[in-house]
Structures are given as C-alpha cells and as structure tokens.
Amino acid sequence: MKVNRNVFFVAIILLATISGFFVGQFLFAPESTHPQVKIRAIVPESPRKLAIPALQSDSGSLDMAALEGKWNLVFFGFMNCPDVCPATLNTVAQAKKQFEQAGSEFPQVVFISIDPYRDNVKDLGEYVRYFDEAFIGATGEEKLLTAITVQTDSTFMTLPSENPQEYQVGHSANLILINPAVELVAVLAAPHTVESVIDALNHFQL
C-alpha cells in the first residue's frame, strides 16, 4: 500500500510538471525583440494584482512592502529537495550574474519554502545565500503558502509518512515574475536555463 501511494504521489507531481511545461509551451510562446528567440510562459491578459500575506525570513517579515518598488522572481521549493530546487536556484544565480554583468538590474529573488515544518528561517536564509548573497528565503504557515501558490498558478502537496520527518513534498517548478506593483506578470515554465531566464526578462524589458 505504501509503495502504491508513493507511486501515485510521484505520478501526480510528474503530471503537474509535464502539464505546466506543455501549457507554457503551447499557450504562450511570444516572440521577443529578437525574432528567433521564444520564451515559455503563461501570461495573464493584464498584470494580476496579488495579495501576498506576510511570511518570515531570517531578516524579518516578507510582505507586500518588501516586494513593492522592485521586480521580483519567486520560486517555490524546500531545502530537502534533491535536484529541482538546487538546480533552479543555481540557474537563476548564473542568470543573475550574466544579467548584471551586462549592466542590467536583476529582479529580487525570493525562494519560498513550502515545507515550513522542516525549514526554519535561519537555515533557509543560509541555504539560499549559498547560491547568491542577495537571495531571500522565506516561509510561513501552510494556509499562507496555499494562499500565495493559488494566486500564482503554482501547486504543492505533501505525502504523510509513518516517520513525521520523512514525508515527501511535491511542487511545481515555475518561476513567478512579479512587477514593482506586486502584480503577476508571467509564470515562467520549467525547464529553466540561464538563457531562458535572461530571454524572459529581456522580453518583459527589465
């Protein structure tokens, strides 16, 4: 029974990831200022105002005020994630380095842990700063995380285990682009590369 539940759980996550990829691939593949470059993203007809509840980081509260006045790139994950999370954070860090070397200002990067029971804010801050000193790590109660993911077309779920510390966590791998008015501008679909992140930012003229 436990094996069957795990298989079902993995299947659901894979389906969500693959669905997100193909939705991004086929619903929105606009041409950028360079005709040969296309991006994979889901974009609302007009920027969607977000109501972000206050989360906690190791430097204090992360709320609407912390997001206003600057572009933000948000990613949902968790510290025990074995591959997708560190790979994505590393990709974003490399994209940030290249973007800034070209003289452009990269968005504020916020990594939101959807595993608040294991990821405390102190460890979370150290974790994200391993990839880039400017990255912010935040988390909060599950109901607050759900409120944010619902607004940003993202998902996460947990599979309980007999050992409370060994449950599994699944999540979508989108990058969420939010403008200085705290409005959803685009949901960038995985898989992410340094080039795809930079192309997306250039497309939105950051």
C-alpha atoms as a PDB file:
ATOM      1  CA  MET A   1       0.000   0.000   0.000  1.00  0.00           C
ATOM      2  CA  LYS A   2       2.811   2.405   0.910  1.00  0.00           C
ATOM      3  CA  VAL A   3       4.546   1.741  -2.422  1.00  0.00           C
ATOM      4  CA  ASN A   4       1.317   2.314  -4.312  1.00  0.00           C
ATOM      5  CA  ARG A   5       0.738   5.608  -2.516  1.00  0.00           C
ATOM      6  CA  ASN A   6       4.260   6.752  -3.324  1.00  0.00           C
ATOM      7  CA  VAL A   7       3.862   5.830  -6.977  1.00  0.00           C
ATOM      8  CA  PHE A   8       0.564   7.698  -7.124  1.00  0.00           C
ATOM      9  CA  PHE A   9       2.141  10.726  -5.471  1.00  0.00           C
ATOM     10  CA  VAL A  10       5.067  10.791  -7.893  1.00  0.00           C
ATOM     11  CA  ALA A  11       2.720  10.333 -10.833  1.00  0.00           C
ATOM     12  CA  ILE A  12       0.619  13.311  -9.775  1.00  0.00           C
ATOM     13  CA  ILE A  13       3.675  15.541  -9.426  1.00  0.00           C
ATOM     14  CA  LEU A  14       5.062  14.436 -12.780  1.00  0.00           C
ATOM     15  CA  LEU A  15       1.696  15.068 -14.416  1.00  0.00           C
ATOM     16  CA  ALA A  16       1.536  18.547 -12.909  1.00  0.00           C
ATOM     17  CA  THR A  17       5.080  19.336 -14.045  1.00  0.00           C
ATOM     18  CA  ILE A  18       4.586  17.993 -17.550  1.00  0.00           C
ATOM     19  CA  SER A  19       1.219  19.727 -17.868  1.00  0.00           C
ATOM     20  CA  GLY A  20       2.772  23.008 -16.804  1.00  0.00           C
ATOM     21  CA  PHE A  21       5.528  22.585 -19.348  1.00  0.00           C
ATOM     22  CA  PHE A  22       3.180  21.938 -22.245  1.00  0.00           C
ATOM     23  CA  VAL A  23       0.725  24.640 -21.222  1.00  0.00           C
ATOM     24  CA  GLY A  24       3.589  27.112 -21.200  1.00  0.00           C
ATOM     25  CA  GLN A  25       4.949  25.708 -24.429  1.00  0.00           C
ATOM     26  CA  PHE A  26       1.758  25.948 -26.433  1.00  0.00           C
ATOM     27  CA  LEU A  27      -0.429  28.625 -24.854  1.00  0.00           C
ATOM     28  CA  PHE A  28       2.177  31.323 -24.843  1.00  0.00           C
ATOM     29  CA  ALA A  29       5.351  31.338 -26.892  1.00  0.00           C
ATOM     30  CA  PRO A  30       5.685  35.010 -27.879  1.00  0.00           C
ATOM     31  CA  GLU A  31       8.476  36.387 -29.941  1.00  0.00           C
ATOM     32  CA  SER A  32      10.877  38.666 -28.130  1.00  0.00           C
ATOM     33  CA  THR A  33      12.679  41.650 -29.626  1.00  0.00           C
ATOM     34  CA  HIS A  34      14.836  39.017 -31.343  1.00  0.00           C
ATOM     35  CA  PRO A  35      12.519  37.128 -33.743  1.00  0.00           C
ATOM     36  CA  GLN A  36      14.425  33.874 -33.373  1.00  0.00           C
ATOM     37  CA  VAL A  37      14.030  33.808 -29.572  1.00  0.00           C
ATOM     38  CA  LYS A  38      10.881  32.463 -27.943  1.00  0.00           C
ATOM     39  CA  ILE A  39      10.010  32.063 -24.295  1.00  0.00           C
ATOM     40  CA  ARG A  40       7.769  29.584 -22.480  1.00  0.00           C
ATOM     41  CA  ALA A  41       5.421  31.380 -20.129  1.00  0.00           C
ATOM     42  CA  ILE A  42       1.829  31.749 -19.076  1.00  0.00           C
ATOM     43  CA  VAL A  43       0.895  35.429 -19.090  1.00  0.00           C
ATOM     44  CA  PRO A  44      -2.381  36.961 -17.915  1.00  0.00           C
ATOM     45  CA  GLU A  45      -4.111  39.352 -20.317  1.00  0.00           C
ATOM     46  CA  SER A  46      -3.179  42.133 -17.941  1.00  0.00           C
ATOM     47  CA  PRO A  47      -0.961  42.061 -14.828  1.00  0.00           C
ATOM     48  CA  ARG A  48      -2.854  40.417 -11.949  1.00  0.00           C
ATOM     49  CA  LYS A  49      -2.774  42.144  -8.573  1.00  0.00           C
ATOM     50  CA  LEU A  50      -1.525  39.854  -5.821  1.00  0.00           C
ATOM     51  CA  ALA A  51      -2.354  39.884  -2.126  1.00  0.00           C
ATOM     52  CA  ILE A  52       0.745  38.409  -0.533  1.00  0.00           C
ATOM     53  CA  PRO A  53       0.332  37.512   3.159  1.00  0.00           C
ATOM     54  CA  ALA A  54       3.287  38.195   5.422  1.00  0.00           C
ATOM     55  CA  LEU A  55       5.865  35.415   5.556  1.00  0.00           C
ATOM     56  CA  GLN A  56       9.021  35.226   7.654  1.00  0.00           C
ATOM     57  CA  SER A  57      12.659  35.352   6.592  1.00  0.00           C
ATOM     58  CA  ASP A  58      15.789  35.424   8.717  1.00  0.00           C
ATOM     59  CA  SER A  59      15.899  39.195   8.250  1.00  0.00           C
ATOM     60  CA  GLY A  60      12.289  39.811   9.288  1.00  0.00           C
ATOM     61  CA  SER A  61       8.901  39.919   7.637  1.00  0.00           C
ATOM     62  CA  LEU A  62       8.476  39.359   3.922  1.00  0.00           C
ATOM     63  CA  ASP A  63       5.250  41.108   2.950  1.00  0.00           C
ATOM     64  CA  MET A  64       3.783  43.345   0.257  1.00  0.00           C
ATOM     65  CA  ALA A  65       6.033  46.219   1.297  1.00  0.00           C
ATOM     66  CA  ALA A  66       9.124  44.041   0.807  1.00  0.00           C
ATOM     67  CA  LEU A  67       8.056  43.303  -2.777  1.00  0.00           C
ATOM     68  CA  GLU A  68       6.829  46.745  -3.821  1.00  0.00           C
ATOM     69  CA  GLY A  69       9.001  49.053  -5.876  1.00  0.00           C
ATOM     70  CA  LYS A  70      11.103  46.326  -7.485  1.00  0.00           C
ATOM     71  CA  TRP A  71      10.788  43.387  -9.836  1.00  0.00           C
ATOM     72  CA  ASN A  72      10.680  40.009  -8.097  1.00  0.00           C
ATOM     73  CA  LEU A  73      11.371  36.465  -9.235  1.00  0.00           C
ATOM     74  CA  VAL A  74       9.752  33.893  -6.928  1.00  0.00           C
ATOM     75  CA  PHE A  75      10.350  30.153  -6.747  1.00  0.00           C
ATOM     76  CA  PHE A  76       8.583  27.627  -4.509  1.00  0.00           C
ATOM     77  CA  GLY A  77      10.537  24.673  -3.124  1.00  0.00           C
ATOM     78  CA  PHE A  78      12.097  23.199   0.009  1.00  0.00           C
ATOM     79  CA  MET A  79      15.553  22.573   1.413  1.00  0.00           C
ATOM     80  CA  ASN A  80      15.396  18.767   1.266  1.00  0.00           C
ATOM     81  CA  CYS A  81      14.583  18.887  -2.443  1.00  0.00           C
ATOM     82  CA  PRO A  82      17.295  16.712  -4.011  1.00  0.00           C
ATOM     83  CA  ASP A  83      17.531  18.148  -7.511  1.00  0.00           C
ATOM     84  CA  VAL A  84      14.963  20.578  -8.935  1.00  0.00           C
ATOM     85  CA  CYS A  85      15.345  23.256  -6.249  1.00  0.00           C
ATOM     86  CA  PRO A  86      19.144  23.482  -6.110  1.00  0.00           C
ATOM     87  CA  ALA A  87      19.374  23.216  -9.894  1.00  0.00           C
ATOM     88  CA  THR A  88      16.850  26.021 -10.386  1.00  0.00           C
ATOM     89  CA  LEU A  89      18.454  28.280  -7.789  1.00  0.00           C
ATOM     90  CA  ASN A  90      21.842  27.711  -9.376  1.00  0.00           C
ATOM     91  CA  THR A  91      20.425  28.528 -12.815  1.00  0.00           C
ATOM     92  CA  VAL A  92      18.855  31.735 -11.528  1.00  0.00           C
ATOM     93  CA  ALA A  93      22.114  32.690  -9.782  1.00  0.00           C
ATOM     94  CA  GLN A  94      24.071  32.244 -13.014  1.00  0.00           C
ATOM     95  CA  ALA A  95      21.457  34.200 -14.962  1.00  0.00           C
ATOM     96  CA  LYS A  96      21.675  36.993 -12.383  1.00  0.00           C
ATOM     97  CA  LYS A  97      25.438  37.130 -12.730  1.00  0.00           C
ATOM     98  CA  GLN A  98      25.278  37.403 -16.520  1.00  0.00           C
ATOM     99  CA  PHE A  99      22.401  39.890 -16.436  1.00  0.00           C
ATOM    100  CA  GLU A 100      24.235  42.185 -14.047  1.00  0.00           C
ATOM    101  CA  GLN A 101      27.489  41.891 -15.993  1.00  0.00           C
ATOM    102  CA  ALA A 102      25.565  43.273 -18.970  1.00  0.00           C
ATOM    103  CA  GLY A 103      24.643  46.313 -16.876  1.00  0.00           C
ATOM    104  CA  SER A 104      21.035  45.373 -16.122  1.00  0.00           C
ATOM    105  CA  GLU A 105      19.332  45.115 -12.744  1.00  0.00           C
ATOM    106  CA  PHE A 106      18.157  41.605 -11.921  1.00  0.00           C
ATOM    107  CA  PRO A 107      14.881  41.080 -10.028  1.00  0.00           C
ATOM    108  CA  GLN A 108      14.867  40.405  -6.306  1.00  0.00           C
ATOM    109  CA  VAL A 109      14.925  36.626  -5.951  1.00  0.00           C
ATOM    110  CA  VAL A 110      12.673  35.074  -3.310  1.00  0.00           C
ATOM    111  CA  PHE A 111      12.732  31.357  -2.535  1.00  0.00           C
ATOM    112  CA  ILE A 112       9.573  30.376  -0.626  1.00  0.00           C
ATOM    113  CA  SER A 113       9.766  27.085   1.244  1.00  0.00           C
ATOM    114  CA  ILE A 114       6.551  25.076   1.121  1.00  0.00           C
ATOM    115  CA  ASP A 115       7.938  22.831   3.874  1.00  0.00           C
ATOM    116  CA  PRO A 116       7.717  25.087   6.951  1.00  0.00           C
ATOM    117  CA  TYR A 117       7.800  22.169   9.395  1.00  0.00           C
ATOM    118  CA  ARG A 118      11.387  21.268   8.491  1.00  0.00           C
ATOM    119  CA  ASP A 119      12.735  24.525   7.038  1.00  0.00           C
ATOM    120  CA  ASN A 120      13.312  27.149   9.717  1.00  0.00           C
ATOM    121  CA  VAL A 121      14.069  30.679   8.573  1.00  0.00           C
ATOM    122  CA  LYS A 122      17.658  30.712   9.825  1.00  0.00           C
ATOM    123  CA  ASP A 123      18.642  27.603   7.877  1.00  0.00           C
ATOM    124  CA  LEU A 124      16.608  28.763   4.914  1.00  0.00           C
ATOM    125  CA  GLY A 125      18.491  32.045   4.759  1.00  0.00           C
ATOM    126  CA  GLU A 126      21.844  30.264   4.823  1.00  0.00           C
ATOM    127  CA  TYR A 127      20.646  27.824   2.184  1.00  0.00           C
ATOM    128  CA  VAL A 128      19.641  30.437  -0.402  1.00  0.00           C
ATOM    129  CA  ARG A 129      22.705  32.613   0.236  1.00  0.00           C
ATOM    130  CA  TYR A 130      24.868  29.666  -0.765  1.00  0.00           C
ATOM    131  CA  PHE A 131      23.677  30.353  -4.313  1.00  0.00           C
ATOM    132  CA  ASP A 132      23.728  34.158  -4.116  1.00  0.00           C
ATOM    133  CA  GLU A 133      24.204  36.532  -1.197  1.00  0.00           C
ATOM    134  CA  ALA A 134      21.214  38.620  -2.273  1.00  0.00           C
ATOM    135  CA  PHE A 135      18.704  35.770  -2.446  1.00  0.00           C
ATOM    136  CA  ILE A 136      15.921  35.795   0.145  1.00  0.00           C
ATOM    137  CA  GLY A 137      14.466  32.673   1.761  1.00  0.00           C
ATOM    138  CA  ALA A 138      11.048  32.821   3.416  1.00  0.00           C
ATOM    139  CA  THR A 139       8.289  30.563   4.670  1.00  0.00           C
ATOM    140  CA  GLY A 140       5.141  30.624   6.773  1.00  0.00           C
ATOM    141  CA  GLU A 141       2.079  28.697   7.839  1.00  0.00           C
ATOM    142  CA  GLU A 142       0.672  26.262   5.311  1.00  0.00           C
ATOM    143  CA  LYS A 143      -2.521  28.299   4.842  1.00  0.00           C
ATOM    144  CA  LEU A 144      -0.433  31.349   3.915  1.00  0.00           C
ATOM    145  CA  LEU A 145       1.655  29.352   1.463  1.00  0.00           C
ATOM    146  CA  THR A 146      -1.507  27.979  -0.118  1.00  0.00           C
ATOM    147  CA  ALA A 147      -2.883  31.496  -0.493  1.00  0.00           C
ATOM    148  CA  ILE A 148       0.230  32.534  -2.417  1.00  0.00           C
ATOM    149  CA  THR A 149       0.515  29.456  -4.640  1.00  0.00           C
ATOM    150  CA  VAL A 150      -3.153  29.665  -5.643  1.00  0.00           C
ATOM    151  CA  GLN A 151      -2.672  33.257  -6.786  1.00  0.00           C
ATOM    152  CA  THR A 152       0.449  32.434  -8.767  1.00  0.00           C
ATOM    153  CA  ASP A 153      -0.815  29.343 -10.615  1.00  0.00           C
ATOM    154  CA  SER A 154       1.515  27.114  -8.606  1.00  0.00           C
ATOM    155  CA  THR A 155       0.941  23.915  -6.632  1.00  0.00           C
ATOM    156  CA  PHE A 156       2.417  21.915  -3.779  1.00  0.00           C
ATOM    157  CA  MET A 157       1.419  18.860  -1.780  1.00  0.00           C
ATOM    158  CA  THR A 158       2.763  16.560   0.904  1.00  0.00           C
ATOM    159  CA  LEU A 159       2.514  12.807   1.342  1.00  0.00           C
ATOM    160  CA  PRO A 160       2.398  11.781   5.019  1.00  0.00           C
ATOM    161  CA  SER A 161       4.740   9.084   6.285  1.00  0.00           C
ATOM    162  CA  GLU A 162       4.936   6.870   9.356  1.00  0.00           C
ATOM    163  CA  ASN A 163       8.008   8.897  10.284  1.00  0.00           C
ATOM    164  CA  PRO A 164       6.919  12.537  10.707  1.00  0.00           C
ATOM    165  CA  GLN A 165      10.309  13.738   9.466  1.00  0.00           C
ATOM    166  CA  GLU A 166      10.371  11.662   6.283  1.00  0.00           C
ATOM    167  CA  TYR A 167       7.258  12.805   4.439  1.00  0.00           C
ATOM    168  CA  GLN A 168       7.537  13.678   0.764  1.00  0.00           C
ATOM    169  CA  VAL A 169       6.887  17.081  -0.752  1.00  0.00           C
ATOM    170  CA  GLY A 170       5.967  17.818  -4.336  1.00  0.00           C
ATOM    171  CA  HIS A 171       5.688  21.197  -6.042  1.00  0.00           C
ATOM    172  CA  SER A 172       5.526  22.903  -9.397  1.00  0.00           C
ATOM    173  CA  ALA A 173       8.804  24.247 -10.741  1.00  0.00           C
ATOM    174  CA  ASN A 174       7.626  27.558 -12.185  1.00  0.00           C
ATOM    175  CA  LEU A 175       9.427  30.851 -11.765  1.00  0.00           C
ATOM    176  CA  ILE A 176       6.977  33.630 -10.922  1.00  0.00           C
ATOM    177  CA  LEU A 177       7.706  37.095 -12.310  1.00  0.00           C
ATOM    178  CA  ILE A 178       6.136  39.904 -10.268  1.00  0.00           C
ATOM    179  CA  ASN A 179       6.336  43.587 -11.148  1.00  0.00           C
ATOM    180  CA  PRO A 180       7.027  46.525  -8.772  1.00  0.00           C
ATOM    181  CA  ALA A 181       3.283  46.989  -8.204  1.00  0.00           C
ATOM    182  CA  VAL A 182       3.160  43.410  -6.855  1.00  0.00           C
ATOM    183  CA  GLU A 183       1.271  42.149  -9.882  1.00  0.00           C
ATOM    184  CA  LEU A 184       1.728  38.782 -11.544  1.00  0.00           C
ATOM    185  CA  VAL A 185       3.304  39.390 -14.936  1.00  0.00           C
ATOM    186  CA  ALA A 186       4.281  35.877 -16.012  1.00  0.00           C
ATOM    187  CA  VAL A 187       4.637  32.280 -14.898  1.00  0.00           C
ATOM    188  CA  LEU A 188       7.851  31.013 -16.478  1.00  0.00           C
ATOM    189  CA  ALA A 189       7.562  27.317 -17.229  1.00  0.00           C
ATOM    190  CA  ALA A 190      10.246  24.732 -16.480  1.00  0.00           C
ATOM    191  CA  PRO A 191      12.733  23.514 -17.503  1.00  0.00           C
ATOM    192  CA  HIS A 192      14.807  26.614 -16.855  1.00  0.00           C
ATOM    193  CA  THR A 193      18.163  27.508 -18.326  1.00  0.00           C
ATOM    194  CA  VAL A 194      20.326  30.575 -17.905  1.00  0.00           C
ATOM    195  CA  GLU A 195      19.370  31.593 -21.424  1.00  0.00           C
ATOM    196  CA  SER A 196      15.632  31.061 -20.926  1.00  0.00           C
ATOM    197  CA  VAL A 197      15.603  33.185 -17.769  1.00  0.00           C
ATOM    198  CA  ILE A 198      17.518  36.019 -19.423  1.00  0.00           C
ATOM    199  CA  ASP A 199      15.362  35.828 -22.568  1.00  0.00           C
ATOM    200  CA  ALA A 200      12.218  36.093 -20.444  1.00  0.00           C
ATOM    201  CA  LEU A 201      13.485  39.128 -18.554  1.00  0.00           C
ATOM    202  CA  ASN A 202      14.541  40.814 -21.775  1.00  0.00           C
ATOM    203  CA  HIS A 203      11.144  40.080 -23.270  1.00  0.00           C
ATOM    204  CA  PHE A 204       9.469  41.987 -20.461  1.00  0.00           C
ATOM    205  CA  GLN A 205      12.052  44.759 -20.881  1.00  0.00           C
ATOM    206  CA  LEU A 206      13.568  44.612 -17.420  1.00  0.00           C
END
